[in-house]
C-alpha atoms as a PDB file:
ATOM      1  CA  MET A   1      10.820 -38.137 123.854  1.00  0.00           C
ATOM      2  CA  ASN A   2      10.224 -39.838 120.498  1.00  0.00           C
ATOM      3  CA  ASN A   3       6.969 -39.813 118.548  1.00  0.00           C
ATOM      4  CA  GLY A   4       6.048 -43.249 119.824  1.00  0.00           C
ATOM      5  CA  MET A   5       6.090 -41.921 123.415  1.00  0.00           C
ATOM      6  CA  LYS A   6       3.976 -38.824 122.834  1.00  0.00           C
ATOM      7  CA  THR A   7       0.640 -38.539 124.581  1.00  0.00           C
ATOM      8  CA  LYS A   8      -2.617 -38.618 122.640  1.00  0.00           C
ATOM      9  CA  ASN A   9      -2.982 -34.860 123.069  1.00  0.00           C
ATOM     10  CA  GLN A  10       0.504 -34.260 121.689  1.00  0.00           C
ATOM     11  CA  ILE A  11      -0.166 -36.534 118.700  1.00  0.00           C
ATOM     12  CA  GLY A  12      -3.564 -35.046 117.917  1.00  0.00           C
ATOM     13  CA  PRO A  13      -5.943 -36.951 115.678  1.00  0.00           C
ATOM     14  CA  ILE A  14      -4.438 -39.229 113.028  1.00  0.00           C
ATOM     15  CA  LEU A  15      -6.064 -38.569 109.652  1.00  0.00           C
ATOM     16  CA  VAL A  16      -7.135 -41.620 107.669  1.00  0.00           C
ATOM     17  CA  THR A  17      -8.382 -40.995 104.136  1.00  0.00           C
ATOM     18  CA  GLY A  18     -10.781 -43.410 102.464  1.00  0.00           C
ATOM     19  CA  ALA A  19     -12.030 -44.440 105.895  1.00  0.00           C
ATOM     20  CA  ALA A  20     -15.521 -45.302 104.659  1.00  0.00           C
ATOM     21  CA  GLY A  21     -14.332 -47.668 101.946  1.00  0.00           C
ATOM     22  CA  GLN A  22     -15.689 -51.144 101.447  1.00  0.00           C
ATOM     23  CA  LEU A  23     -15.741 -53.516 104.396  1.00  0.00           C
ATOM     24  CA  GLY A  24     -12.206 -54.865 104.494  1.00  0.00           C
ATOM     25  CA  GLY A  25     -10.807 -51.813 102.692  1.00  0.00           C
ATOM     26  CA  VAL A  26      -7.437 -50.429 103.783  1.00  0.00           C
ATOM     27  CA  GLY A  27      -8.626 -47.074 105.165  1.00  0.00           C
ATOM     28  CA  ARG A  28     -11.528 -48.592 107.028  1.00  0.00           C
ATOM     29  CA  THR A  29      -9.351 -51.329 108.506  1.00  0.00           C
ATOM     30  CA  VAL A  30      -6.578 -48.903 109.505  1.00  0.00           C
ATOM     31  CA  THR A  31      -9.167 -46.775 111.297  1.00  0.00           C
ATOM     32  CA  GLY A  32     -10.313 -49.740 113.372  1.00  0.00           C
ATOM     33  CA  LEU A  33      -6.760 -50.834 114.203  1.00  0.00           C
ATOM     34  CA  LEU A  34      -5.765 -47.346 115.387  1.00  0.00           C
ATOM     35  CA  LEU A  35      -8.895 -47.053 117.516  1.00  0.00           C
ATOM     36  CA  ASP A  36      -8.095 -50.459 119.015  1.00  0.00           C
ATOM     37  CA  ARG A  37      -4.712 -49.015 120.037  1.00  0.00           C
ATOM     38  CA  GLY A  38      -6.501 -46.176 121.809  1.00  0.00           C
ATOM     39  CA  LEU A  39      -5.270 -43.582 119.308  1.00  0.00           C
ATOM     40  CA  PRO A  40      -7.506 -40.691 118.183  1.00  0.00           C
ATOM     41  CA  VAL A  41      -8.605 -40.960 114.552  1.00  0.00           C
ATOM     42  CA  ARG A  42     -10.060 -38.402 112.179  1.00  0.00           C
ATOM     43  CA  ALA A  43     -11.776 -40.413 109.452  1.00  0.00           C
ATOM     44  CA  MET A  44     -12.199 -38.692 106.087  1.00  0.00           C
ATOM     45  CA  VAL A  45     -15.233 -39.775 104.082  1.00  0.00           C
ATOM     46  CA  ARG A  46     -16.837 -38.581 100.864  1.00  0.00           C
ATOM     47  CA  ARG A  47     -20.380 -38.572 102.216  1.00  0.00           C
ATOM     48  CA  ASP A  48     -22.150 -38.768 105.572  1.00  0.00           C
ATOM     49  CA  ASP A  49     -23.938 -42.092 105.294  1.00  0.00           C
ATOM     50  CA  ASP A  50     -24.387 -45.305 107.282  1.00  0.00           C
ATOM     51  CA  ARG A  51     -20.687 -46.095 107.013  1.00  0.00           C
ATOM     52  CA  ALA A  52     -19.842 -42.707 108.514  1.00  0.00           C
ATOM     53  CA  THR A  53     -22.323 -43.369 111.316  1.00  0.00           C
ATOM     54  CA  ALA A  54     -20.587 -46.681 112.025  1.00  0.00           C
ATOM     55  CA  LEU A  55     -17.213 -44.935 112.187  1.00  0.00           C
ATOM     56  CA  ARG A  56     -18.562 -42.450 114.727  1.00  0.00           C
ATOM     57  CA  ALA A  57     -20.013 -45.286 116.784  1.00  0.00           C
ATOM     58  CA  ALA A  58     -16.566 -46.913 116.792  1.00  0.00           C
ATOM     59  CA  GLY A  59     -15.040 -43.742 118.219  1.00  0.00           C
ATOM     60  CA  ALA A  60     -13.658 -41.898 115.190  1.00  0.00           C
ATOM     61  CA  GLU A  61     -14.096 -38.208 114.453  1.00  0.00           C
ATOM     62  CA  VAL A  62     -15.735 -38.187 111.012  1.00  0.00           C
ATOM     63  CA  VAL A  63     -15.121 -35.392 108.519  1.00  0.00           C
ATOM     64  CA  VAL A  64     -16.623 -35.126 105.040  1.00  0.00           C
ATOM     65  CA  GLY A  65     -14.499 -33.958 102.145  1.00  0.00           C
ATOM     66  CA  VAL A  66     -13.156 -34.613  98.658  1.00  0.00           C
ATOM     67  CA  LEU A  67      -9.445 -35.205  98.042  1.00  0.00           C
ATOM     68  CA  LEU A  68      -9.587 -33.203  94.802  1.00  0.00           C
ATOM     69  CA  GLU A  69     -10.861 -30.069  96.574  1.00  0.00           C
ATOM     70  CA  PRO A  70      -7.954 -28.128  98.153  1.00  0.00           C
ATOM     71  CA  ALA A  71     -10.208 -26.308 100.634  1.00  0.00           C
ATOM     72  CA  ASP A  72     -11.657 -29.623 101.802  1.00  0.00           C
ATOM     73  CA  VAL A  73      -8.217 -31.135 102.204  1.00  0.00           C
ATOM     74  CA  HIS A  74      -6.958 -28.137 104.176  1.00  0.00           C
ATOM     75  CA  ARG A  75      -9.962 -28.257 106.501  1.00  0.00           C
ATOM     76  CA  VAL A  76      -9.603 -31.995 107.037  1.00  0.00           C
ATOM     77  CA  VAL A  77      -5.825 -32.041 107.571  1.00  0.00           C
ATOM     78  CA  SER A  78      -5.685 -29.012 109.882  1.00  0.00           C
ATOM     79  CA  GLY A  79      -4.935 -30.143 113.422  1.00  0.00           C
ATOM     80  CA  CYS A  80      -3.533 -33.530 112.349  1.00  0.00           C
ATOM     81  CA  ARG A  81       0.159 -34.368 112.754  1.00  0.00           C
ATOM     82  CA  ARG A  82       0.052 -37.814 111.132  1.00  0.00           C
ATOM     83  CA  VAL A  83      -1.724 -38.669 107.886  1.00  0.00           C
ATOM     84  CA  TYR A  84      -2.469 -41.859 105.989  1.00  0.00           C
ATOM     85  CA  PHE A  85      -3.052 -40.992 102.339  1.00  0.00           C
ATOM     86  CA  GLY A  86      -4.647 -43.585 100.111  1.00  0.00           C
ATOM     87  CA  MET A  87      -7.048 -43.310  97.190  1.00  0.00           C
ATOM     88  CA  SER A  88      -8.730 -45.869  94.984  1.00  0.00           C
ATOM     89  CA  VAL A  89      -7.822 -46.193  91.302  1.00  0.00           C
ATOM     90  CA  SER A  90      -8.809 -42.818  89.884  1.00  0.00           C
ATOM     91  CA  ALA A  91      -7.944 -40.533  86.973  1.00  0.00           C
ATOM     92  CA  GLY A  92      -7.429 -37.745  89.538  1.00  0.00           C
ATOM     93  CA  TYR A  93      -4.931 -39.621  91.687  1.00  0.00           C
ATOM     94  CA  LEU A  94      -1.891 -37.460  90.879  1.00  0.00           C
ATOM     95  CA  GLU A  95      -3.834 -34.236  91.448  1.00  0.00           C
ATOM     96  CA  ALA A  96      -5.052 -35.529  94.809  1.00  0.00           C
ATOM     97  CA  THR A  97      -1.510 -36.484  95.860  1.00  0.00           C
ATOM     98  CA  VAL A  98      -0.043 -33.084  95.001  1.00  0.00           C
ATOM     99  CA  THR A  99      -2.944 -31.347  96.736  1.00  0.00           C
ATOM    100  CA  MET A 100      -2.321 -33.402  99.879  1.00  0.00           C
ATOM    101  CA  ALA A 101       1.404 -32.646  99.731  1.00  0.00           C
ATOM    102  CA  ALA A 102       0.813 -28.904  99.382  1.00  0.00           C
ATOM    103  CA  VAL A 103      -1.604 -28.861 102.306  1.00  0.00           C
ATOM    104  CA  ALA A 104       0.599 -31.088 104.474  1.00  0.00           C
ATOM    105  CA  ARG A 105       3.552 -28.730 103.952  1.00  0.00           C
ATOM    106  CA  GLU A 106       1.483 -25.688 104.866  1.00  0.00           C
ATOM    107  CA  VAL A 107      -0.108 -27.317 107.916  1.00  0.00           C
ATOM    108  CA  GLY A 108       3.145 -28.849 109.124  1.00  0.00           C
ATOM    109  CA  VAL A 109       2.346 -32.558 109.131  1.00  0.00           C
ATOM    110  CA  ASP A 110       4.866 -34.679 111.072  1.00  0.00           C
ATOM    111  CA  ALA A 111       4.339 -37.922 109.123  1.00  0.00           C
ATOM    112  CA  LEU A 112       2.677 -38.829 105.826  1.00  0.00           C
ATOM    113  CA  ILE A 113       2.116 -42.508 105.054  1.00  0.00           C
ATOM    114  CA  ASN A 114       1.599 -42.857 101.309  1.00  0.00           C
ATOM    115  CA  MET A 115      -0.106 -45.820  99.663  1.00  0.00           C
ATOM    116  CA  SER A 116       1.634 -46.555  96.373  1.00  0.00           C
ATOM    117  CA  GLN A 117       2.013 -49.753  94.295  1.00  0.00           C
ATOM    118  CA  MET A 118       4.781 -52.324  94.009  1.00  0.00           C
ATOM    119  CA  THR A 119       4.964 -51.829  90.232  1.00  0.00           C
ATOM    120  CA  VAL A 120       6.620 -48.462  90.940  1.00  0.00           C
ATOM    121  CA  SER A 121       9.700 -50.369  92.170  1.00  0.00           C
ATOM    122  CA  GLN A 122      10.339 -51.378  88.547  1.00  0.00           C
ATOM    123  CA  MET A 123       9.571 -48.006  86.959  1.00  0.00           C
ATOM    124  CA  SER A 124      11.749 -45.102  85.862  1.00  0.00           C
ATOM    125  CA  ILE A 125      11.685 -42.350  83.251  1.00  0.00           C
ATOM    126  CA  GLN A 126      12.815 -44.830  80.616  1.00  0.00           C
ATOM    127  CA  ASN A 127      10.912 -47.831  81.980  1.00  0.00           C
ATOM    128  CA  THR A 128       7.226 -47.137  82.482  1.00  0.00           C
ATOM    129  CA  THR A 129       3.947 -48.984  81.820  1.00  0.00           C
ATOM    130  CA  THR A 130       0.814 -48.403  79.751  1.00  0.00           C
ATOM    131  CA  SER A 131      -1.353 -47.996  82.874  1.00  0.00           C
ATOM    132  CA  PRO A 132      -2.206 -44.336  83.535  1.00  0.00           C
ATOM    133  CA  GLN A 133      -2.727 -45.265  87.195  1.00  0.00           C
ATOM    134  CA  GLN A 134       0.731 -46.790  87.580  1.00  0.00           C
ATOM    135  CA  ARG A 135       2.283 -43.769  85.869  1.00  0.00           C
ATOM    136  CA  GLN A 136       0.454 -41.505  88.298  1.00  0.00           C
ATOM    137  CA  HIS A 137       1.731 -43.525  91.254  1.00  0.00           C
ATOM    138  CA  TRP A 138       5.305 -43.153  89.991  1.00  0.00           C
ATOM    139  CA  LEU A 139       4.885 -39.416  89.479  1.00  0.00           C
ATOM    140  CA  SER A 140       3.188 -39.078  92.881  1.00  0.00           C
ATOM    141  CA  GLU A 141       6.182 -40.655  94.584  1.00  0.00           C
ATOM    142  CA  GLN A 142       8.447 -38.192  92.776  1.00  0.00           C
ATOM    143  CA  ALA A 143       6.305 -35.254  93.910  1.00  0.00           C
ATOM    144  CA  LEU A 144       6.277 -36.430  97.529  1.00  0.00           C
ATOM    145  CA  ALA A 145      10.062 -36.817  97.443  1.00  0.00           C
ATOM    146  CA  TRP A 146      10.414 -33.251  96.164  1.00  0.00           C
ATOM    147  CA  SER A 147       8.023 -31.975  98.852  1.00  0.00           C
ATOM    148  CA  GLY A 148      10.516 -32.538 101.661  1.00  0.00           C
ATOM    149  CA  LEU A 149       7.768 -34.035 103.816  1.00  0.00           C
ATOM    150  CA  PRO A 150       8.509 -36.883 106.256  1.00  0.00           C
ATOM    151  CA  VAL A 151       7.071 -39.638 104.055  1.00  0.00           C
ATOM    152  CA  VAL A 152       6.834 -43.403 104.501  1.00  0.00           C
ATOM    153  CA  THR A 153       5.897 -45.245 101.304  1.00  0.00           C
ATOM    154  CA  MET A 154       3.903 -48.463 101.132  1.00  0.00           C
ATOM    155  CA  ARG A 155       4.159 -50.497  97.925  1.00  0.00           C
ATOM    156  CA  PRO A 156       1.776 -53.439  98.116  1.00  0.00           C
ATOM    157  CA  THR A 157       1.349 -55.864  95.257  1.00  0.00           C
ATOM    158  CA  VAL A 158      -2.089 -56.841  93.920  1.00  0.00           C
ATOM    159  CA  PHE A 159      -4.746 -57.163  96.652  1.00  0.00           C
ATOM    160  CA  LEU A 160      -6.634 -60.366  97.373  1.00  0.00           C
ATOM    161  CA  GLU A 161      -9.755 -58.369  98.317  1.00  0.00           C
ATOM    162  CA  GLY A 162      -9.635 -55.792  95.546  1.00  0.00           C
ATOM    163  CA  PHE A 163      -8.702 -58.098  92.662  1.00  0.00           C
ATOM    164  CA  PHE A 164      -8.977 -61.825  93.307  1.00  0.00           C
ATOM    165  CA  LEU A 165     -12.220 -61.780  95.283  1.00  0.00           C
ATOM    166  CA  PRO A 166     -14.345 -59.772  92.812  1.00  0.00           C
ATOM    167  CA  LEU A 167     -12.636 -60.900  89.591  1.00  0.00           C
ATOM    168  CA  THR A 168     -12.280 -64.629  90.266  1.00  0.00           C
ATOM    169  CA  GLY A 169     -15.082 -65.240  92.759  1.00  0.00           C
ATOM    170  CA  PRO A 170     -17.941 -65.565  90.231  1.00  0.00           C
ATOM    171  CA  SER A 171     -16.164 -68.017  87.900  1.00  0.00           C
ATOM    172  CA  VAL A 172     -14.894 -70.128  90.807  1.00  0.00           C
ATOM    173  CA  ARG A 173     -18.346 -70.187  92.358  1.00  0.00           C
ATOM    174  CA  ASP A 174     -20.129 -71.023  89.099  1.00  0.00           C
ATOM    175  CA  ARG A 175     -17.587 -73.132  87.171  1.00  0.00           C
ATOM    176  CA  SER A 176     -14.777 -73.997  89.648  1.00  0.00           C
ATOM    177  CA  ARG A 177     -12.346 -72.118  87.413  1.00  0.00           C
ATOM    178  CA  ILE A 178     -10.090 -69.101  87.817  1.00  0.00           C
ATOM    179  CA  GLU A 179     -10.476 -67.345  84.471  1.00  0.00           C
ATOM    180  CA  LEU A 180      -7.769 -64.729  83.830  1.00  0.00           C
ATOM    181  CA  PRO A 181      -5.305 -63.776  81.067  1.00  0.00           C
ATOM    182  CA  PHE A 182      -2.272 -64.188  83.359  1.00  0.00           C
ATOM    183  CA  GLY A 183      -0.290 -66.704  81.288  1.00  0.00           C
ATOM    184  CA  ARG A 184       2.497 -68.562  83.094  1.00  0.00           C
ATOM    185  CA  GLY A 185       3.552 -65.538  85.111  1.00  0.00           C
ATOM    186  CA  LYS A 186       3.758 -65.797  88.879  1.00  0.00           C
ATOM    187  CA  THR A 187       1.920 -63.628  91.379  1.00  0.00           C
ATOM    188  CA  ASN A 188       1.949 -63.147  95.153  1.00  0.00           C
ATOM    189  CA  PRO A 189      -1.178 -61.239  96.218  1.00  0.00           C
ATOM    190  CA  VAL A 190      -1.437 -59.587  99.612  1.00  0.00           C
ATOM    191  CA  ALA A 191      -4.375 -59.268 101.996  1.00  0.00           C
ATOM    192  CA  THR A 192      -5.777 -55.860 102.880  1.00  0.00           C
ATOM    193  CA  ALA A 193      -5.681 -56.780 106.559  1.00  0.00           C
ATOM    194  CA  ASP A 194      -1.915 -57.333 106.386  1.00  0.00           C
ATOM    195  CA  VAL A 195      -1.294 -54.022 104.619  1.00  0.00           C
ATOM    196  CA  ALA A 196      -3.515 -52.226 107.127  1.00  0.00           C
ATOM    197  CA  ARG A 197      -1.619 -53.745 110.056  1.00  0.00           C
ATOM    198  CA  VAL A 198       1.655 -52.451 108.617  1.00  0.00           C
ATOM    199  CA  ILE A 199       0.220 -48.962 108.132  1.00  0.00           C
ATOM    200  CA  ALA A 200      -1.267 -48.859 111.639  1.00  0.00           C
ATOM    201  CA  ALA A 201       2.050 -49.935 113.160  1.00  0.00           C
ATOM    202  CA  VAL A 202       3.900 -47.171 111.308  1.00  0.00           C
ATOM    203  CA  LEU A 203       1.306 -44.510 112.164  1.00  0.00           C
ATOM    204  CA  ALA A 204       1.586 -45.433 115.834  1.00  0.00           C
ATOM    205  CA  ASP A 205       5.344 -44.678 115.794  1.00  0.00           C
ATOM    206  CA  PRO A 206       6.386 -43.177 112.450  1.00  0.00           C
ATOM    207  CA  ALA A 207       9.764 -41.592 113.210  1.00  0.00           C
ATOM    208  CA  PRO A 208      11.912 -44.740 112.711  1.00  0.00           C
ATOM    209  CA  HIS A 209      10.391 -45.233 109.258  1.00  0.00           C
ATOM    210  CA  PHE A 210      10.826 -41.817 107.619  1.00  0.00           C
ATOM    211  CA  GLY A 211      12.171 -42.124 104.096  1.00  0.00           C
ATOM    212  CA  GLN A 212      11.579 -45.868 103.974  1.00  0.00           C
ATOM    213  CA  VAL A 213       9.812 -47.767 101.194  1.00  0.00           C
ATOM    214  CA  TYR A 214       8.093 -50.977 102.266  1.00  0.00           C
ATOM    215  CA  GLU A 215       7.216 -53.611  99.684  1.00  0.00           C
ATOM    216  CA  LEU A 216       4.315 -55.786 100.800  1.00  0.00           C
ATOM    217  CA  THR A 217       3.426 -59.186  99.342  1.00  0.00           C
ATOM    218  CA  GLY A 218       1.929 -62.468 100.382  1.00  0.00           C
ATOM    219  CA  PRO A 219       4.080 -65.387 101.602  1.00  0.00           C
ATOM    220  CA  GLN A 220       4.547 -67.253  98.283  1.00  0.00           C
ATOM    221  CA  SER A 221       4.975 -66.296  94.624  1.00  0.00           C
ATOM    222  CA  GLN A 222       3.466 -68.908  92.299  1.00  0.00           C
ATOM    223  CA  ASP A 223       1.859 -69.322  88.896  1.00  0.00           C
ATOM    224  CA  MET A 224      -1.893 -69.494  88.503  1.00  0.00           C
ATOM    225  CA  ASP A 225      -1.959 -73.291  88.653  1.00  0.00           C
ATOM    226  CA  GLY A 226      -0.384 -72.984  92.092  1.00  0.00           C
ATOM    227  CA  VAL A 227      -2.953 -70.367  93.065  1.00  0.00           C
ATOM    228  CA  ALA A 228      -5.719 -72.720  91.865  1.00  0.00           C
ATOM    229  CA  ARG A 229      -4.341 -75.493  94.095  1.00  0.00           C
ATOM    230  CA  GLU A 230      -4.612 -73.170  97.093  1.00  0.00           C
ATOM    231  CA  TYR A 231      -8.231 -72.422  96.147  1.00  0.00           C
ATOM    232  CA  SER A 232      -8.830 -76.187  95.900  1.00  0.00           C
ATOM    233  CA  ASP A 233      -7.327 -76.852  99.332  1.00  0.00           C
ATOM    234  CA  ALA A 234      -9.423 -74.095 100.885  1.00  0.00           C
ATOM    235  CA  LEU A 235     -12.719 -75.022  99.215  1.00  0.00           C
ATOM    236  CA  LYS A 236     -12.311 -78.821  99.459  1.00  0.00           C
ATOM    237  CA  HIS A 237     -13.003 -79.350  95.770  1.00  0.00           C
ATOM    238  CA  GLU A 238     -10.952 -79.000  92.617  1.00  0.00           C
ATOM    239  CA  VAL A 239     -10.463 -75.519  91.202  1.00  0.00           C
ATOM    240  CA  THR A 240      -8.462 -75.114  87.993  1.00  0.00           C
ATOM    241  CA  TYR A 241      -6.899 -72.200  86.181  1.00  0.00           C
ATOM    242  CA  ALA A 242      -8.296 -71.453  82.715  1.00  0.00           C
ATOM    243  CA  GLU A 243      -6.310 -69.050  80.569  1.00  0.00           C
ATOM    244  CA  ILE A 244      -8.594 -66.718  78.638  1.00  0.00           C
ATOM    245  CA  PRO A 245      -7.658 -64.253  75.866  1.00  0.00           C
ATOM    246  CA  ALA A 246      -6.986 -60.726  77.082  1.00  0.00           C
ATOM    247  CA  GLU A 247      -9.513 -59.440  74.534  1.00  0.00           C
ATOM    248  CA  ASP A 248     -12.281 -61.582  76.041  1.00  0.00           C
ATOM    249  CA  TRP A 249     -11.398 -60.402  79.536  1.00  0.00           C
ATOM    250  CA  GLU A 250     -11.443 -56.785  78.374  1.00  0.00           C
ATOM    251  CA  ARG A 251     -14.930 -57.247  76.913  1.00  0.00           C
ATOM    252  CA  GLY A 252     -16.093 -58.709  80.217  1.00  0.00           C
ATOM    253  CA  LEU A 253     -14.676 -55.800  82.200  1.00  0.00           C
ATOM    254  CA  LYS A 254     -16.380 -53.276  79.939  1.00  0.00           C
ATOM    255  CA  LYS A 255     -19.641 -55.209  80.046  1.00  0.00           C
ATOM    256  CA  ALA A 256     -19.478 -54.997  83.836  1.00  0.00           C
ATOM    257  CA  GLY A 257     -19.405 -51.204  83.504  1.00  0.00           C
ATOM    258  CA  LEU A 258     -15.896 -50.574  84.852  1.00  0.00           C
ATOM    259  CA  PRO A 259     -14.536 -47.084  84.124  1.00  0.00           C
ATOM    260  CA  GLU A 260     -12.067 -46.828  81.232  1.00  0.00           C
ATOM    261  CA  HIS A 261      -9.248 -45.703  83.556  1.00  0.00           C
ATOM    262  CA  LEU A 262      -9.707 -48.779  85.760  1.00  0.00           C
ATOM    263  CA  THR A 263     -10.099 -51.115  82.783  1.00  0.00           C
ATOM    264  CA  ARG A 264      -6.814 -49.928  81.267  1.00  0.00           C
ATOM    265  CA  HIS A 265      -5.115 -50.404  84.626  1.00  0.00           C
ATOM    266  CA  LEU A 266      -6.387 -53.980  84.981  1.00  0.00           C
ATOM    267  CA  LEU A 267      -5.370 -54.866  81.422  1.00  0.00           C
ATOM    268  CA  THR A 268      -1.870 -53.561  82.098  1.00  0.00           C
ATOM    269  CA  MET A 269      -1.707 -55.610  85.295  1.00  0.00           C
ATOM    270  CA  ALA A 270      -2.552 -58.746  83.303  1.00  0.00           C
ATOM    271  CA  GLU A 271       0.054 -57.888  80.655  1.00  0.00           C
ATOM    272  CA  LEU A 272       2.737 -57.352  83.312  1.00  0.00           C
ATOM    273  CA  ASN A 273       1.746 -60.578  85.051  1.00  0.00           C
ATOM    274  CA  ARG A 274       2.223 -62.511  81.802  1.00  0.00           C
ATOM    275  CA  ALA A 275       5.667 -60.901  81.555  1.00  0.00           C
ATOM    276  CA  GLY A 276       6.637 -62.038  85.054  1.00  0.00           C
ATOM    277  CA  ARG A 277       6.576 -58.568  86.590  1.00  0.00           C
ATOM    278  CA  TYR A 278       4.385 -59.641  89.533  1.00  0.00           C
ATOM    279  CA  ASP A 279       6.779 -62.432  90.557  1.00  0.00           C
ATOM    280  CA  ARG A 280       7.797 -60.719  93.799  1.00  0.00           C
ATOM    281  CA  LEU A 281       8.443 -61.816  97.378  1.00  0.00           C
ATOM    282  CA  ALA A 282       9.047 -59.295 100.158  1.00  0.00           C
ATOM    283  CA  ASP A 283       9.153 -59.607 103.939  1.00  0.00           C
ATOM    284  CA  GLY A 284       7.644 -56.205 104.765  1.00  0.00           C
ATOM    285  CA  VAL A 285       4.512 -57.573 106.428  1.00  0.00           C
ATOM    286  CA  GLU A 286       6.329 -59.921 108.786  1.00  0.00           C
ATOM    287  CA  ARG A 287       9.163 -57.474 109.483  1.00  0.00           C
ATOM    288  CA  LEU A 288       6.841 -54.649 110.559  1.00  0.00           C
ATOM    289  CA  THR A 289       4.097 -56.642 112.273  1.00  0.00           C
ATOM    290  CA  GLY A 290       5.844 -59.759 113.554  1.00  0.00           C
ATOM    291  CA  ARG A 291       3.322 -61.964 111.808  1.00  0.00           C
ATOM    292  CA  SER A 292       3.549 -63.733 108.454  1.00  0.00           C
ATOM    293  CA  ALA A 293       1.370 -62.525 105.598  1.00  0.00           C
ATOM    294  CA  MET A 294      -1.901 -64.317 104.898  1.00  0.00           C
ATOM    295  CA  SER A 295      -1.753 -67.042 102.261  1.00  0.00           C
ATOM    296  CA  VAL A 296      -4.141 -67.401  99.333  1.00  0.00           C
ATOM    297  CA  ARG A 297      -5.464 -70.576 100.932  1.00  0.00           C
ATOM    298  CA  ASP A 298      -6.275 -68.823 104.222  1.00  0.00           C
ATOM    299  CA  PHE A 299      -7.890 -65.919 102.407  1.00  0.00           C
ATOM    300  CA  VAL A 300     -10.112 -68.161 100.292  1.00  0.00           C
ATOM    301  CA  SER A 301     -11.054 -70.138 103.405  1.00  0.00           C
ATOM    302  CA  LEU A 302     -12.173 -66.947 105.144  1.00  0.00           C
ATOM    303  CA  HIS A 303     -14.251 -65.954 102.116  1.00  0.00           C
ATOM    304  CA  ALA A 304     -15.393 -69.432 101.151  1.00  0.00           C
ATOM    305  CA  ASN A 305     -19.054 -68.407 100.891  1.00  0.00           C
ATOM    306  CA  GLU A 306     -18.188 -65.946  98.133  1.00  0.00           C
ATOM    307  CA  PHE A 307     -16.176 -68.609  96.302  1.00  0.00           C
ATOM    308  CA  GLY A 308     -18.902 -71.228  96.552  1.00  0.00           C
ATOM    309  CA  GLY A 309     -17.617 -73.145  99.556  1.00  0.00           C
ATOM    310  CA  ARG A 310     -18.131 -73.197 103.303  1.00  0.00           C
ATOM    311  CA  ARG A 311     -16.458 -70.536 105.406  1.00  0.00           C
ATOM    312  CA  SER A 312     -13.735 -71.439 107.900  1.00  0.00           C
ATOM    313  CA  GLU A 313     -12.019 -69.304 110.507  1.00  0.00           C
ATOM    314  CA  ARG A 314      -8.503 -67.924 110.860  1.00  0.00           C
ATOM    315  CA  SER A 315      -7.586 -66.174 114.061  1.00  0.00           C
ATOM    316  CA  PRO A 316      -7.012 -62.438 113.498  1.00  0.00           C
ATOM    317  CA  ASP A 317      -4.037 -62.451 115.876  1.00  0.00           C
END
């Protein structure tokens, strides 16, 4: 009997880290998708708050812990055979990954789904980046490979929710302009919902995917003028792309109070985009879920209120 045919009792709870993230976050969305499949979920959260209460109401077992505390991780992972490991941009990302790997080996986890980044596909010892976060992702993948654990690696490109919504929404809403230092480089952002659907599908039946690396992008790579046209189509008024100096963008990020680690990561992303390093197109979303990835236009339509337009609907199925 393969893993996909095991009963719920044989599987045990599936651990999802970052389950109380922002609405639309990967961990939170994966939790809901697994529960919809009737699978038991242990949702790891940093604090017991209203979001944790909502997870319990949805049917998840909620556990409180910190990924940088080995004792917490051991307590949370114990009893779980399948784990989704994801963590927001953080200076402690590598430490958290190695801690999870050590605990997963001791506990005997059957499947570890690791959230990485697509930039890692272009990295090596000789070819790295100036982003401490991207370097930590590359090192984390090395450590997981050495661990001997049954790992499945997800490498999504830049997220529509995590980057384009917060960092272009205000200027589009106020001035009908996307203001970024992206140059003429192309990009192909992916929706959190699509990444979460891939992860949920793999967690439901992980065995066929062990050792695989899945690159996840949207359906079309295009320059920022092309992205602006998709915004325009979605919002029913003209949106243009305005190139701004990287130094001005950096000042804006710091003024907004972003941590230095995150600011350096975002600046590196912009630099790599100008160099054409985000010009990627992969079929991972459609191949693993049977459904094409969400376009920029559809995403902006769904979030039109936040971009200064009127919201429209796209069927979730």
